[in-house]
N, C-alpha and C. Protein backbone atom coordinates (compact mmCIF):
# COMPACT_ATOMS: atom_id res chain seq x y z
N MET A 1 5.29 -19.43 9.76
CA MET A 1 3.97 -19.87 9.38
C MET A 1 3.99 -21.34 9.00
N ARG A 2 4.88 -21.67 8.07
CA ARG A 2 4.93 -23.07 7.62
C ARG A 2 5.24 -24.02 8.78
N ALA A 3 6.21 -23.62 9.60
CA ALA A 3 6.60 -24.48 10.72
C ALA A 3 5.43 -24.70 11.67
N SER A 4 4.68 -23.66 11.97
CA SER A 4 3.55 -23.82 12.88
C SER A 4 2.45 -24.66 12.23
N ALA A 5 2.22 -24.48 10.94
CA ALA A 5 1.22 -25.29 10.23
C ALA A 5 1.64 -26.75 10.21
N GLU A 6 2.93 -27.01 10.01
CA GLU A 6 3.43 -28.38 10.00
C GLU A 6 3.26 -29.04 11.37
N VAL A 7 3.52 -28.27 12.43
CA VAL A 7 3.34 -28.81 13.78
C VAL A 7 1.88 -29.19 14.00
N LEU A 8 0.97 -28.30 13.65
CA LEU A 8 -0.45 -28.59 13.84
C LEU A 8 -0.86 -29.82 13.03
N THR A 9 -0.36 -29.91 11.81
CA THR A 9 -0.66 -31.08 10.97
C THR A 9 -0.14 -32.35 11.63
N SER A 10 1.08 -32.30 12.16
CA SER A 10 1.66 -33.49 12.80
C SER A 10 0.88 -33.91 14.04
N LEU A 11 0.10 -32.97 14.60
CA LEU A 11 -0.73 -33.28 15.76
C LEU A 11 -2.13 -33.73 15.37
N GLY A 12 -2.34 -33.93 14.07
CA GLY A 12 -3.62 -34.43 13.59
C GLY A 12 -4.66 -33.37 13.28
N ILE A 13 -4.24 -32.13 13.23
CA ILE A 13 -5.17 -31.05 12.92
C ILE A 13 -5.09 -30.76 11.42
N ALA A 14 -6.22 -30.73 10.77
CA ALA A 14 -6.26 -30.47 9.33
C ALA A 14 -5.92 -29.00 9.08
N VAL A 15 -4.87 -28.78 8.29
CA VAL A 15 -4.43 -27.43 7.96
C VAL A 15 -4.30 -27.35 6.45
N GLU A 16 -4.84 -26.29 5.86
CA GLU A 16 -4.72 -26.12 4.41
C GLU A 16 -4.64 -24.63 4.08
N PRO A 17 -3.93 -24.32 2.99
CA PRO A 17 -3.88 -22.91 2.57
C PRO A 17 -5.25 -22.47 2.08
N VAL A 18 -5.60 -21.24 2.38
CA VAL A 18 -6.92 -20.72 2.01
C VAL A 18 -6.79 -19.29 1.48
N ARG A 19 -7.84 -18.85 0.85
CA ARG A 19 -7.99 -17.45 0.46
C ARG A 19 -9.28 -16.96 1.09
N ILE A 20 -9.26 -15.73 1.53
CA ILE A 20 -10.48 -15.10 2.03
C ILE A 20 -10.73 -13.94 1.07
N PRO A 21 -11.60 -14.16 0.08
CA PRO A 21 -11.77 -13.18 -1.00
C PRO A 21 -12.02 -11.75 -0.53
N VAL A 22 -12.77 -11.55 0.54
CA VAL A 22 -13.08 -10.19 0.97
C VAL A 22 -11.81 -9.42 1.36
N LEU A 23 -10.77 -10.14 1.80
CA LEU A 23 -9.51 -9.48 2.14
C LEU A 23 -8.78 -8.98 0.90
N GLU A 24 -9.09 -9.56 -0.24
CA GLU A 24 -8.50 -9.11 -1.50
C GLU A 24 -9.29 -7.94 -2.08
N GLU A 25 -10.52 -7.78 -1.65
CA GLU A 25 -11.40 -6.74 -2.17
C GLU A 25 -11.36 -5.46 -1.33
N ILE A 26 -11.14 -5.60 -0.03
CA ILE A 26 -11.20 -4.46 0.88
C ILE A 26 -9.86 -4.34 1.60
N ASN A 27 -9.29 -3.15 1.57
CA ASN A 27 -8.04 -2.89 2.28
C ASN A 27 -8.40 -2.57 3.74
N ALA A 28 -8.26 -3.55 4.60
CA ALA A 28 -8.67 -3.40 6.00
C ALA A 28 -7.85 -2.34 6.73
N LEU A 29 -6.59 -2.15 6.34
CA LEU A 29 -5.77 -1.15 6.99
C LEU A 29 -6.28 0.26 6.68
N GLU A 30 -6.60 0.52 5.42
CA GLU A 30 -7.16 1.83 5.05
C GLU A 30 -8.51 2.04 5.76
N LEU A 31 -9.28 0.98 5.82
CA LEU A 31 -10.58 1.04 6.48
C LEU A 31 -10.42 1.35 7.97
N LEU A 32 -9.50 0.66 8.61
CA LEU A 32 -9.23 0.90 10.03
C LEU A 32 -8.83 2.36 10.26
N TRP A 33 -7.98 2.87 9.38
CA TRP A 33 -7.50 4.24 9.54
C TRP A 33 -8.66 5.23 9.44
N LYS A 34 -9.54 5.06 8.45
CA LYS A 34 -10.70 5.96 8.31
C LYS A 34 -11.57 5.92 9.56
N LEU A 35 -11.83 4.72 10.03
CA LEU A 35 -12.68 4.58 11.22
C LEU A 35 -11.99 5.17 12.45
N GLN A 36 -10.69 4.92 12.55
CA GLN A 36 -9.97 5.39 13.72
C GLN A 36 -9.91 6.92 13.77
N VAL A 37 -9.68 7.54 12.62
CA VAL A 37 -9.63 9.00 12.60
C VAL A 37 -10.97 9.56 13.04
N MET A 38 -12.04 9.01 12.53
CA MET A 38 -13.38 9.51 12.87
C MET A 38 -13.72 9.25 14.34
N GLU A 39 -13.39 8.05 14.82
CA GLU A 39 -13.84 7.65 16.15
C GLU A 39 -12.91 8.07 17.28
N THR A 40 -11.61 8.20 17.01
CA THR A 40 -10.68 8.42 18.12
C THR A 40 -10.04 9.80 18.18
N LYS A 41 -10.00 10.50 17.05
CA LYS A 41 -9.31 11.80 17.05
C LYS A 41 -9.83 12.74 18.14
N PRO A 42 -11.13 12.91 18.29
CA PRO A 42 -11.60 13.82 19.35
C PRO A 42 -11.16 13.38 20.75
N ALA A 43 -11.21 12.09 21.01
CA ALA A 43 -10.81 11.59 22.34
C ALA A 43 -9.30 11.75 22.54
N PHE A 44 -8.51 11.45 21.49
CA PHE A 44 -7.06 11.63 21.58
C PHE A 44 -6.72 13.09 21.89
N LYS A 45 -7.39 14.01 21.19
CA LYS A 45 -7.13 15.44 21.40
C LYS A 45 -7.40 15.83 22.85
N LYS A 46 -8.49 15.30 23.38
CA LYS A 46 -8.88 15.63 24.75
C LYS A 46 -7.85 15.11 25.76
N VAL A 47 -7.42 13.86 25.59
CA VAL A 47 -6.51 13.27 26.58
C VAL A 47 -5.07 13.75 26.46
N THR A 48 -4.68 14.18 25.28
CA THR A 48 -3.29 14.61 25.10
C THR A 48 -3.10 16.12 25.24
N ALA A 49 -4.18 16.83 25.47
CA ALA A 49 -4.08 18.30 25.62
C ALA A 49 -3.05 18.65 26.69
N GLY A 50 -2.11 19.49 26.31
CA GLY A 50 -1.06 19.89 27.22
C GLY A 50 0.14 18.97 27.23
N HIS A 51 0.06 17.86 26.50
CA HIS A 51 1.16 16.89 26.43
C HIS A 51 1.56 16.62 24.98
N GLU A 52 1.37 17.60 24.12
CA GLU A 52 1.61 17.41 22.69
C GLU A 52 3.04 16.98 22.37
N ASP A 53 4.00 17.32 23.23
CA ASP A 53 5.40 16.94 22.99
C ASP A 53 5.66 15.47 23.28
N LYS A 54 4.69 14.75 23.84
CA LYS A 54 4.88 13.34 24.20
C LYS A 54 4.02 12.40 23.37
N ILE A 55 3.45 12.91 22.29
CA ILE A 55 2.52 12.12 21.49
C ILE A 55 3.27 11.09 20.65
N PHE A 56 2.82 9.86 20.71
CA PHE A 56 3.38 8.76 19.92
C PHE A 56 3.09 9.02 18.44
N LYS A 57 3.99 8.55 17.56
CA LYS A 57 3.86 8.87 16.13
C LYS A 57 2.55 8.36 15.53
N HIS A 58 2.00 7.28 16.05
CA HIS A 58 0.73 6.78 15.53
C HIS A 58 -0.39 7.79 15.80
N VAL A 59 -0.42 8.32 17.00
CA VAL A 59 -1.44 9.32 17.35
C VAL A 59 -1.21 10.59 16.53
N GLN A 60 0.06 10.96 16.34
CA GLN A 60 0.35 12.14 15.53
C GLN A 60 -0.15 11.92 14.10
N GLY A 61 -0.03 10.69 13.62
CA GLY A 61 -0.55 10.37 12.29
C GLY A 61 -2.06 10.55 12.22
N VAL A 62 -2.75 10.19 13.29
CA VAL A 62 -4.20 10.40 13.35
C VAL A 62 -4.49 11.90 13.30
N TYR A 63 -3.73 12.68 14.07
CA TYR A 63 -3.94 14.14 14.07
C TYR A 63 -3.68 14.75 12.70
N ASP A 64 -2.67 14.24 12.00
CA ASP A 64 -2.26 14.81 10.72
C ASP A 64 -3.19 14.41 9.57
N THR A 65 -4.04 13.43 9.78
CA THR A 65 -4.96 12.97 8.74
C THR A 65 -6.22 13.82 8.75
N PRO A 66 -6.64 14.28 7.57
CA PRO A 66 -7.89 15.06 7.53
C PRO A 66 -9.05 14.25 8.11
N ASP A 67 -9.99 14.95 8.70
CA ASP A 67 -11.16 14.29 9.28
C ASP A 67 -11.87 13.46 8.21
N THR A 68 -12.41 12.33 8.64
CA THR A 68 -13.19 11.47 7.76
C THR A 68 -14.57 12.10 7.58
N SER A 69 -14.97 12.26 6.34
CA SER A 69 -16.31 12.82 6.10
C SER A 69 -17.36 11.81 6.53
N ILE A 70 -18.56 12.27 6.79
CA ILE A 70 -19.63 11.37 7.21
C ILE A 70 -19.93 10.36 6.10
N ALA A 71 -19.85 10.78 4.83
CA ALA A 71 -20.08 9.85 3.72
C ALA A 71 -19.01 8.76 3.71
N ASP A 72 -17.74 9.14 3.92
CA ASP A 72 -16.66 8.15 3.97
C ASP A 72 -16.80 7.24 5.18
N PHE A 73 -17.28 7.80 6.29
CA PHE A 73 -17.47 7.01 7.50
C PHE A 73 -18.56 5.95 7.28
N VAL A 74 -19.67 6.35 6.67
CA VAL A 74 -20.77 5.40 6.39
C VAL A 74 -20.27 4.32 5.44
N ASP A 75 -19.51 4.72 4.41
CA ASP A 75 -18.94 3.75 3.47
C ASP A 75 -18.00 2.79 4.21
N ALA A 76 -17.19 3.32 5.12
CA ALA A 76 -16.26 2.48 5.88
C ALA A 76 -17.02 1.49 6.76
N GLU A 77 -18.09 1.95 7.39
CA GLU A 77 -18.89 1.04 8.22
C GLU A 77 -19.52 -0.07 7.38
N GLN A 78 -19.95 0.26 6.17
CA GLN A 78 -20.51 -0.76 5.28
C GLN A 78 -19.44 -1.77 4.85
N LYS A 79 -18.24 -1.27 4.59
CA LYS A 79 -17.14 -2.19 4.23
C LYS A 79 -16.74 -3.06 5.42
N ALA A 80 -16.80 -2.50 6.61
CA ALA A 80 -16.51 -3.30 7.81
C ALA A 80 -17.52 -4.44 7.92
N GLU A 81 -18.76 -4.15 7.60
CA GLU A 81 -19.80 -5.20 7.64
C GLU A 81 -19.52 -6.25 6.57
N GLN A 82 -19.05 -5.83 5.40
CA GLN A 82 -18.68 -6.79 4.35
C GLN A 82 -17.53 -7.68 4.81
N LEU A 83 -16.56 -7.09 5.53
CA LEU A 83 -15.47 -7.90 6.08
C LEU A 83 -16.01 -8.93 7.06
N ARG A 84 -16.91 -8.50 7.95
CA ARG A 84 -17.51 -9.44 8.91
C ARG A 84 -18.22 -10.57 8.18
N ASP A 85 -18.97 -10.23 7.15
CA ASP A 85 -19.68 -11.25 6.36
C ASP A 85 -18.69 -12.22 5.70
N GLY A 86 -17.59 -11.67 5.17
CA GLY A 86 -16.58 -12.52 4.53
C GLY A 86 -15.94 -13.49 5.50
N PHE A 87 -15.65 -13.01 6.70
CA PHE A 87 -15.08 -13.90 7.72
C PHE A 87 -16.12 -14.91 8.20
N ALA A 88 -17.36 -14.48 8.33
CA ALA A 88 -18.43 -15.40 8.75
C ALA A 88 -18.54 -16.54 7.74
N ALA A 89 -18.43 -16.23 6.45
CA ALA A 89 -18.47 -17.27 5.41
C ALA A 89 -17.28 -18.21 5.55
N TYR A 90 -16.10 -17.65 5.81
CA TYR A 90 -14.91 -18.47 6.00
C TYR A 90 -15.10 -19.42 7.19
N PHE A 91 -15.58 -18.88 8.31
CA PHE A 91 -15.71 -19.69 9.52
C PHE A 91 -16.88 -20.68 9.47
N GLN A 92 -17.66 -20.67 8.42
CA GLN A 92 -18.65 -21.74 8.24
C GLN A 92 -17.97 -23.04 7.84
N HIS A 93 -16.73 -22.93 7.32
CA HIS A 93 -16.00 -24.11 6.83
C HIS A 93 -14.76 -24.44 7.66
N TYR A 94 -14.28 -23.46 8.43
CA TYR A 94 -13.04 -23.65 9.18
C TYR A 94 -13.22 -23.20 10.62
N ASP A 95 -12.47 -23.83 11.52
CA ASP A 95 -12.55 -23.50 12.94
C ASP A 95 -11.62 -22.36 13.33
N ALA A 96 -10.56 -22.17 12.57
CA ALA A 96 -9.57 -21.14 12.93
C ALA A 96 -8.81 -20.72 11.68
N LEU A 97 -8.05 -19.68 11.85
CA LEU A 97 -7.19 -19.16 10.79
C LEU A 97 -5.82 -18.94 11.41
N ILE A 98 -4.78 -19.36 10.72
CA ILE A 98 -3.43 -19.08 11.17
C ILE A 98 -2.79 -18.21 10.11
N CYS A 99 -2.19 -17.11 10.54
CA CYS A 99 -1.62 -16.15 9.60
C CYS A 99 -0.48 -15.39 10.27
N PRO A 100 0.25 -14.59 9.51
CA PRO A 100 1.33 -13.80 10.12
C PRO A 100 0.77 -12.75 11.08
N VAL A 101 1.59 -12.31 11.99
CA VAL A 101 1.23 -11.22 12.89
C VAL A 101 1.51 -9.89 12.19
N THR A 102 2.64 -9.83 11.50
CA THR A 102 3.02 -8.64 10.76
C THR A 102 3.46 -9.04 9.36
N THR A 103 3.52 -8.04 8.49
CA THR A 103 3.91 -8.31 7.10
C THR A 103 5.41 -8.25 6.90
N VAL A 104 6.14 -7.87 7.95
CA VAL A 104 7.60 -7.81 7.90
C VAL A 104 8.15 -8.43 9.18
N PRO A 105 9.42 -8.86 9.15
CA PRO A 105 10.01 -9.38 10.39
C PRO A 105 10.11 -8.28 11.44
N ALA A 106 10.39 -8.68 12.66
CA ALA A 106 10.58 -7.70 13.73
C ALA A 106 11.58 -6.65 13.26
N HIS A 107 11.39 -5.42 13.72
CA HIS A 107 12.18 -4.30 13.21
C HIS A 107 12.52 -3.35 14.34
N LYS A 108 13.35 -2.37 14.04
CA LYS A 108 13.70 -1.37 15.04
C LYS A 108 12.45 -0.57 15.42
N HIS A 109 12.42 -0.13 16.64
CA HIS A 109 11.26 0.57 17.18
C HIS A 109 10.92 1.85 16.41
N ASP A 110 11.90 2.55 15.93
CA ASP A 110 11.65 3.84 15.30
C ASP A 110 11.56 3.80 13.78
N ALA A 111 11.36 2.63 13.20
CA ALA A 111 11.27 2.52 11.74
C ALA A 111 10.08 3.34 11.23
N THR A 112 10.29 4.04 10.12
CA THR A 112 9.20 4.85 9.55
C THR A 112 8.69 4.28 8.24
N GLU A 113 9.51 3.44 7.58
CA GLU A 113 9.06 2.78 6.36
C GLU A 113 9.83 1.49 6.16
N PHE A 114 9.28 0.64 5.29
CA PHE A 114 9.89 -0.65 4.99
C PHE A 114 9.95 -0.84 3.48
N ASP A 115 10.87 -1.68 3.07
CA ASP A 115 10.98 -2.05 1.66
C ASP A 115 10.41 -3.46 1.54
N ILE A 116 9.26 -3.58 0.88
CA ILE A 116 8.63 -4.88 0.68
C ILE A 116 8.57 -5.15 -0.81
N ASP A 117 9.30 -6.17 -1.23
CA ASP A 117 9.36 -6.53 -2.66
C ASP A 117 9.70 -5.33 -3.52
N GLY A 118 10.67 -4.52 -3.07
CA GLY A 118 11.12 -3.37 -3.84
C GLY A 118 10.24 -2.14 -3.76
N GLN A 119 9.19 -2.20 -2.94
CA GLN A 119 8.27 -1.07 -2.80
C GLN A 119 8.37 -0.51 -1.38
N LYS A 120 8.51 0.81 -1.27
CA LYS A 120 8.56 1.47 0.04
C LYS A 120 7.14 1.61 0.58
N VAL A 121 6.94 1.16 1.82
CA VAL A 121 5.63 1.29 2.46
C VAL A 121 5.81 1.90 3.84
N SER A 122 4.79 2.58 4.32
CA SER A 122 4.79 3.20 5.63
C SER A 122 4.94 2.14 6.72
N SER A 123 5.49 2.54 7.84
CA SER A 123 5.63 1.61 8.97
C SER A 123 4.27 1.15 9.48
N LEU A 124 3.21 1.90 9.18
CA LEU A 124 1.88 1.47 9.58
C LEU A 124 1.46 0.18 8.87
N HIS A 125 2.17 -0.15 7.80
CA HIS A 125 1.89 -1.38 7.05
C HIS A 125 1.99 -2.62 7.93
N VAL A 126 2.76 -2.54 9.02
CA VAL A 126 2.90 -3.70 9.90
C VAL A 126 1.56 -4.12 10.49
N MET A 127 0.59 -3.23 10.48
CA MET A 127 -0.72 -3.55 11.04
C MET A 127 -1.64 -4.23 10.02
N SER A 128 -1.17 -4.48 8.83
CA SER A 128 -2.02 -5.05 7.78
C SER A 128 -2.64 -6.39 8.16
N ALA A 129 -1.90 -7.21 8.89
CA ALA A 129 -2.41 -8.53 9.26
C ALA A 129 -3.35 -8.49 10.45
N THR A 130 -3.24 -7.46 11.27
CA THR A 130 -4.11 -7.36 12.44
C THR A 130 -5.29 -6.41 12.22
N ALA A 131 -5.19 -5.55 11.22
CA ALA A 131 -6.28 -4.59 10.96
C ALA A 131 -7.63 -5.26 10.72
N PRO A 132 -7.67 -6.38 9.97
CA PRO A 132 -8.99 -7.02 9.79
C PRO A 132 -9.64 -7.44 11.10
N LEU A 133 -8.82 -7.81 12.08
CA LEU A 133 -9.37 -8.21 13.39
C LEU A 133 -9.86 -6.98 14.15
N SER A 134 -9.10 -5.89 14.05
CA SER A 134 -9.51 -4.66 14.72
C SER A 134 -10.83 -4.14 14.16
N VAL A 135 -11.01 -4.25 12.86
CA VAL A 135 -12.22 -3.75 12.21
C VAL A 135 -13.42 -4.65 12.49
N THR A 136 -13.21 -5.96 12.52
CA THR A 136 -14.32 -6.89 12.65
C THR A 136 -14.60 -7.34 14.08
N GLY A 137 -13.64 -7.14 14.97
CA GLY A 137 -13.81 -7.60 16.35
C GLY A 137 -13.57 -9.08 16.52
N LEU A 138 -12.94 -9.72 15.55
CA LEU A 138 -12.62 -11.14 15.68
C LEU A 138 -11.54 -11.34 16.75
N PRO A 139 -11.64 -12.41 17.52
CA PRO A 139 -10.59 -12.68 18.50
C PRO A 139 -9.33 -13.19 17.81
N GLY A 140 -8.21 -12.67 18.23
CA GLY A 140 -6.92 -13.10 17.70
C GLY A 140 -5.91 -13.23 18.81
N LEU A 141 -4.94 -14.08 18.58
CA LEU A 141 -3.90 -14.33 19.56
C LEU A 141 -2.60 -14.46 18.79
N SER A 142 -1.55 -13.84 19.26
CA SER A 142 -0.26 -14.01 18.59
C SER A 142 0.73 -14.62 19.56
N LEU A 143 1.63 -15.43 19.02
CA LEU A 143 2.67 -16.00 19.84
C LEU A 143 3.93 -16.15 19.02
N ARG A 144 5.04 -16.03 19.69
CA ARG A 144 6.33 -16.20 19.02
C ARG A 144 6.50 -17.67 18.69
N PHE A 145 6.93 -17.91 17.43
CA PHE A 145 7.15 -19.29 17.04
C PHE A 145 8.44 -19.46 16.24
N GLY A 146 9.28 -18.47 16.26
CA GLY A 146 10.55 -18.58 15.55
C GLY A 146 11.40 -17.36 15.78
N THR A 147 12.55 -17.37 15.10
CA THR A 147 13.52 -16.29 15.22
C THR A 147 14.08 -16.00 13.84
N SER A 148 14.22 -14.72 13.53
CA SER A 148 14.79 -14.32 12.24
C SER A 148 16.30 -14.54 12.24
N ARG A 149 16.90 -14.41 11.08
CA ARG A 149 18.36 -14.54 10.98
C ARG A 149 19.06 -13.51 11.86
N GLU A 150 18.38 -12.38 12.08
CA GLU A 150 18.95 -11.31 12.91
C GLU A 150 18.71 -11.54 14.40
N GLY A 151 18.07 -12.65 14.74
CA GLY A 151 17.82 -12.96 16.15
C GLY A 151 16.57 -12.32 16.71
N LEU A 152 15.71 -11.80 15.83
CA LEU A 152 14.49 -11.14 16.27
C LEU A 152 13.30 -12.10 16.21
N PRO A 153 12.28 -11.87 17.02
CA PRO A 153 11.14 -12.80 17.07
C PRO A 153 10.29 -12.81 15.81
N ILE A 154 9.78 -13.98 15.49
CA ILE A 154 8.80 -14.14 14.41
C ILE A 154 7.58 -14.79 15.05
N GLY A 155 6.43 -14.17 14.83
CA GLY A 155 5.21 -14.66 15.46
C GLY A 155 4.21 -15.19 14.45
N VAL A 156 3.27 -15.95 14.96
CA VAL A 156 2.11 -16.39 14.19
C VAL A 156 0.88 -15.88 14.91
N GLN A 157 -0.17 -15.69 14.15
CA GLN A 157 -1.43 -15.18 14.69
C GLN A 157 -2.51 -16.24 14.47
N LEU A 158 -3.25 -16.51 15.51
CA LEU A 158 -4.37 -17.44 15.43
C LEU A 158 -5.65 -16.65 15.58
N VAL A 159 -6.62 -16.92 14.73
CA VAL A 159 -7.88 -16.20 14.72
C VAL A 159 -9.01 -17.21 14.77
N SER A 160 -10.05 -16.89 15.53
CA SER A 160 -11.22 -17.78 15.61
C SER A 160 -12.47 -16.98 15.32
N PRO A 161 -13.58 -17.68 15.16
CA PRO A 161 -14.85 -16.95 15.04
C PRO A 161 -15.16 -16.21 16.34
N TRP A 162 -16.08 -15.29 16.27
CA TRP A 162 -16.53 -14.59 17.45
C TRP A 162 -17.02 -15.60 18.48
N MET A 163 -16.73 -15.35 19.72
CA MET A 163 -17.17 -16.18 20.84
C MET A 163 -16.55 -17.58 20.84
N ALA A 164 -15.44 -17.77 20.14
CA ALA A 164 -14.79 -19.08 20.10
C ALA A 164 -13.31 -18.97 20.50
N GLU A 165 -13.04 -18.13 21.48
CA GLU A 165 -11.66 -17.94 21.91
C GLU A 165 -11.00 -19.23 22.39
N SER A 166 -11.80 -20.15 22.92
CA SER A 166 -11.23 -21.41 23.41
C SER A 166 -10.52 -22.17 22.30
N THR A 167 -10.96 -22.01 21.07
CA THR A 167 -10.32 -22.69 19.93
C THR A 167 -8.89 -22.20 19.76
N ILE A 168 -8.70 -20.88 19.74
CA ILE A 168 -7.33 -20.39 19.53
C ILE A 168 -6.46 -20.58 20.77
N LEU A 169 -7.08 -20.56 21.95
CA LEU A 169 -6.29 -20.83 23.16
C LEU A 169 -5.79 -22.27 23.13
N HIS A 170 -6.63 -23.19 22.67
CA HIS A 170 -6.21 -24.59 22.56
C HIS A 170 -5.09 -24.76 21.54
N LEU A 171 -5.27 -24.16 20.36
CA LEU A 171 -4.23 -24.26 19.32
C LEU A 171 -2.92 -23.63 19.80
N ALA A 172 -3.02 -22.49 20.46
CA ALA A 172 -1.83 -21.82 20.98
C ALA A 172 -1.10 -22.69 22.00
N SER A 173 -1.86 -23.38 22.85
CA SER A 173 -1.22 -24.25 23.86
C SER A 173 -0.49 -25.40 23.17
N LEU A 174 -1.07 -25.92 22.08
CA LEU A 174 -0.39 -26.99 21.34
C LEU A 174 0.90 -26.49 20.71
N LEU A 175 0.85 -25.31 20.11
CA LEU A 175 2.04 -24.74 19.48
C LEU A 175 3.09 -24.38 20.53
N GLU A 176 2.65 -23.78 21.60
CA GLU A 176 3.59 -23.35 22.62
C GLU A 176 4.33 -24.54 23.25
N ALA A 177 3.66 -25.68 23.35
CA ALA A 177 4.27 -26.87 23.96
C ALA A 177 5.45 -27.38 23.16
N VAL A 178 5.46 -27.13 21.85
CA VAL A 178 6.55 -27.64 21.01
C VAL A 178 7.32 -26.53 20.30
N SER A 179 7.10 -25.31 20.71
CA SER A 179 7.72 -24.15 20.07
C SER A 179 9.24 -24.24 20.10
N PRO A 180 9.88 -23.92 18.98
CA PRO A 180 11.34 -23.93 18.95
C PRO A 180 11.95 -22.82 19.81
N VAL A 181 11.14 -21.88 20.26
CA VAL A 181 11.66 -20.80 21.10
C VAL A 181 11.11 -20.88 22.52
N ARG A 182 10.53 -22.03 22.84
CA ARG A 182 9.99 -22.21 24.20
C ARG A 182 11.13 -22.07 25.21
N GLY A 183 10.88 -21.30 26.22
CA GLY A 183 11.89 -21.11 27.26
C GLY A 183 12.92 -20.05 26.91
N LEU A 184 12.85 -19.50 25.72
CA LEU A 184 13.79 -18.45 25.33
C LEU A 184 13.37 -17.13 25.98
N HIS A 185 14.28 -16.46 26.59
CA HIS A 185 13.99 -15.20 27.29
C HIS A 185 14.86 -14.10 26.70
N PRO A 186 14.35 -12.87 26.73
CA PRO A 186 15.15 -11.76 26.19
C PRO A 186 16.41 -11.53 27.01
N ASP A 187 17.43 -11.04 26.35
CA ASP A 187 18.67 -10.68 27.03
C ASP A 187 18.46 -9.35 27.70
N MET A 188 18.20 -9.37 28.97
CA MET A 188 17.87 -8.15 29.72
C MET A 188 19.07 -7.19 29.84
N SER A 189 20.25 -7.70 29.61
CA SER A 189 21.43 -6.82 29.70
C SER A 189 21.48 -5.85 28.52
N ARG A 190 20.71 -6.13 27.46
CA ARG A 190 20.73 -5.27 26.27
C ARG A 190 19.66 -4.21 26.34
N ILE A 191 18.86 -4.25 27.38
CA ILE A 191 17.75 -3.29 27.47
C ILE A 191 18.17 -2.07 28.25
């Protein structure tokens, strides 16, 4: 994050740390989950019928979650609107947002939980940085901009207002041109 912000600053783009208060008030991941259970569970059940042994753990999590009540669904839709309003207020002052893609570094594919600051959290926690975009429909773009000590990718996420994808595409092209991992390709012999 810092490295990408420093690059943008060196290119003459004003970058500053910000807070988006609505993100501190509403847990977008919990909100996404409530909406997803209500909106997708019936469709998932229909498409996976007869293939229950091949269901991805995320879909199984949707199945295992009790149905969202209509009252909770209406509340979730209202909170989603509050998130949209909060981002709209942010984008009245800023052209884009740069943030992490995930809350943890790249991890093994089958991880079920993570230790964050001494607290165990579900592997679904990795969606915390992208859930607000899923709920609000904001355009986002992620790109690799570094490597962890373990040799795994570290990405940054660029977010723009609705209908302003050209802004994040432009910023991404600037970052990609000077990326420390530009031209780095996966070791296909390990796959």
